[in-house]
Amino acid sequence: MRFMTEFHRNEKLAKDINNTFITLSPKIESPQRIANFKSISMVGSMYKVLSNVLYNRLRKLIGSVISYSQSSFIQGIQILYGILIEIKVLDDAQRLKKRVIIIINQS
């Protein structure tokens, strides 16, 4: 709770919150060579807790804040839908011999 309170009070993450620890775990009993190990990446658990809390809070209101055209942020809509729509528009324009202008906003 202290971590969550500090996050909300300061609106900043601690510098090392997203550190990842890598460890070797043996694949077999009594490993003798490096090939007998597998690496495991362990992300700090506090980061996972914070991201889950934020996700559960935002999930309830994200639909009223994000436009439907920003499809990657709407539950049930795949991030590729926008690209598929663009391909369809270009395909139709080419088939009908129509000119199109595509504006990409990367701000």
Protein backbone atom coordinates (compact mmCIF):
# COMPACT_ATOMS: atom_id res chain seq x y z
CA MET A 1 0.00 0.00 0.00
CA ARG A 2 2.90 2.35 0.73
CA PHE A 3 4.16 1.90 -2.84
CA MET A 4 0.72 2.67 -4.33
CA THR A 5 0.26 5.72 -2.08
CA GLU A 6 3.68 7.06 -3.07
CA PHE A 7 2.91 6.54 -6.75
CA HIS A 8 -0.37 8.48 -6.50
CA ARG A 9 1.15 11.22 -4.35
CA ASN A 10 4.27 11.83 -6.47
CA GLU A 11 2.86 10.75 -9.86
CA LYS A 12 6.23 9.18 -10.61
CA LEU A 13 7.64 5.69 -10.62
CA ALA A 14 10.72 4.88 -8.62
CA LYS A 15 13.78 4.78 -10.85
CA ASP A 16 14.35 1.04 -10.42
CA ILE A 17 10.71 -0.12 -10.52
CA ASN A 18 11.02 -1.64 -13.98
CA ASN A 19 14.34 -3.40 -13.39
CA THR A 20 14.51 -6.93 -14.73
CA PHE A 21 16.55 -9.65 -13.09
CA ILE A 22 17.86 -12.49 -15.20
CA THR A 23 18.66 -15.80 -13.57
CA LEU A 24 19.65 -19.23 -14.79
CA SER A 25 17.44 -22.18 -13.95
CA PRO A 26 18.66 -25.75 -14.44
CA LYS A 27 16.91 -27.80 -17.12
CA ILE A 28 18.17 -31.08 -15.66
CA GLU A 29 19.31 -32.36 -12.30
CA SER A 30 23.03 -31.68 -11.67
CA PRO A 31 23.73 -29.51 -14.73
CA GLN A 32 27.37 -29.44 -15.83
CA ARG A 33 27.33 -27.10 -18.87
CA ILE A 34 25.75 -23.73 -19.63
CA ALA A 35 23.52 -25.45 -22.20
CA ASN A 36 21.91 -27.30 -19.28
CA PHE A 37 20.40 -24.04 -18.02
CA LYS A 38 17.58 -21.84 -19.25
CA SER A 39 17.45 -18.12 -18.58
CA ILE A 40 14.47 -16.64 -16.81
CA SER A 41 13.66 -12.94 -16.82
CA MET A 42 11.99 -11.72 -13.64
CA VAL A 43 10.29 -8.32 -13.80
CA GLY A 44 9.72 -6.67 -10.44
CA SER A 45 6.39 -7.68 -8.95
CA MET A 46 5.49 -4.14 -7.83
CA TYR A 47 5.52 -3.01 -11.45
CA LYS A 48 3.09 -5.83 -12.32
CA VAL A 49 0.79 -4.93 -9.42
CA LEU A 50 0.76 -1.25 -10.40
CA SER A 51 0.07 -1.98 -14.08
CA ASN A 52 -2.82 -4.31 -13.16
CA VAL A 53 -4.38 -1.75 -10.81
CA LEU A 54 -4.13 0.99 -13.44
CA TYR A 55 -5.49 -1.30 -16.15
CA ASN A 56 -8.52 -2.28 -14.06
CA ARG A 57 -9.30 1.36 -13.28
CA LEU A 58 -8.86 2.63 -16.85
CA ARG A 59 -10.70 -0.28 -18.43
CA LYS A 60 -14.02 1.03 -17.08
CA LEU A 61 -13.79 4.47 -18.66
CA ILE A 62 -11.44 4.11 -21.63
CA GLY A 63 -14.34 3.79 -24.09
CA SER A 64 -15.67 7.23 -23.14
CA VAL A 65 -12.23 8.87 -23.45
CA ILE A 66 -10.77 7.21 -26.56
CA SER A 67 -12.32 7.70 -29.99
CA TYR A 68 -13.56 4.58 -31.81
CA SER A 69 -11.08 5.39 -34.60
CA GLN A 70 -8.23 4.76 -32.16
CA SER A 71 -8.91 1.08 -32.42
CA SER A 72 -5.87 -0.19 -30.57
CA PHE A 73 -7.28 1.08 -27.27
CA ILE A 74 -10.80 -0.36 -27.48
CA GLN A 75 -11.53 -3.74 -25.94
CA GLY A 76 -12.53 -6.35 -28.52
CA ILE A 77 -10.96 -4.50 -31.45
CA GLN A 78 -7.66 -5.68 -32.86
CA ILE A 79 -4.83 -3.21 -33.49
CA LEU A 80 -4.65 -4.39 -37.13
CA TYR A 81 -8.20 -3.28 -37.96
CA GLY A 82 -7.00 0.22 -38.91
CA ILE A 83 -4.40 -1.18 -41.29
CA LEU A 84 -6.92 -3.57 -42.83
CA ILE A 85 -9.34 -0.70 -43.44
CA GLU A 86 -6.57 1.32 -45.07
CA ILE A 87 -5.64 -1.58 -47.36
CA LYS A 88 -9.33 -1.99 -48.33
CA VAL A 89 -9.66 1.72 -49.15
CA LEU A 90 -6.51 1.66 -51.29
CA ASP A 91 -7.62 -1.53 -53.04
CA ASP A 92 -11.07 -0.08 -53.83
CA ALA A 93 -9.55 3.18 -55.08
CA GLN A 94 -7.18 1.31 -57.38
CA ARG A 95 -9.95 -0.95 -58.67
CA LEU A 96 -12.26 2.02 -59.33
CA LYS A 97 -9.36 4.12 -60.68
CA LYS A 98 -9.99 6.83 -58.07
CA ARG A 99 -7.39 9.07 -56.51
CA VAL A 100 -7.04 9.06 -52.75
CA ILE A 101 -5.10 11.04 -50.22
CA ILE A 102 -4.02 9.37 -47.02
CA ILE A 103 -3.04 11.58 -44.11
CA ILE A 104 -1.04 9.98 -41.34
CA ASN A 105 -0.87 11.81 -38.04
CA GLN A 106 2.18 10.74 -36.07
CA SER A 107 2.01 13.29 -33.30
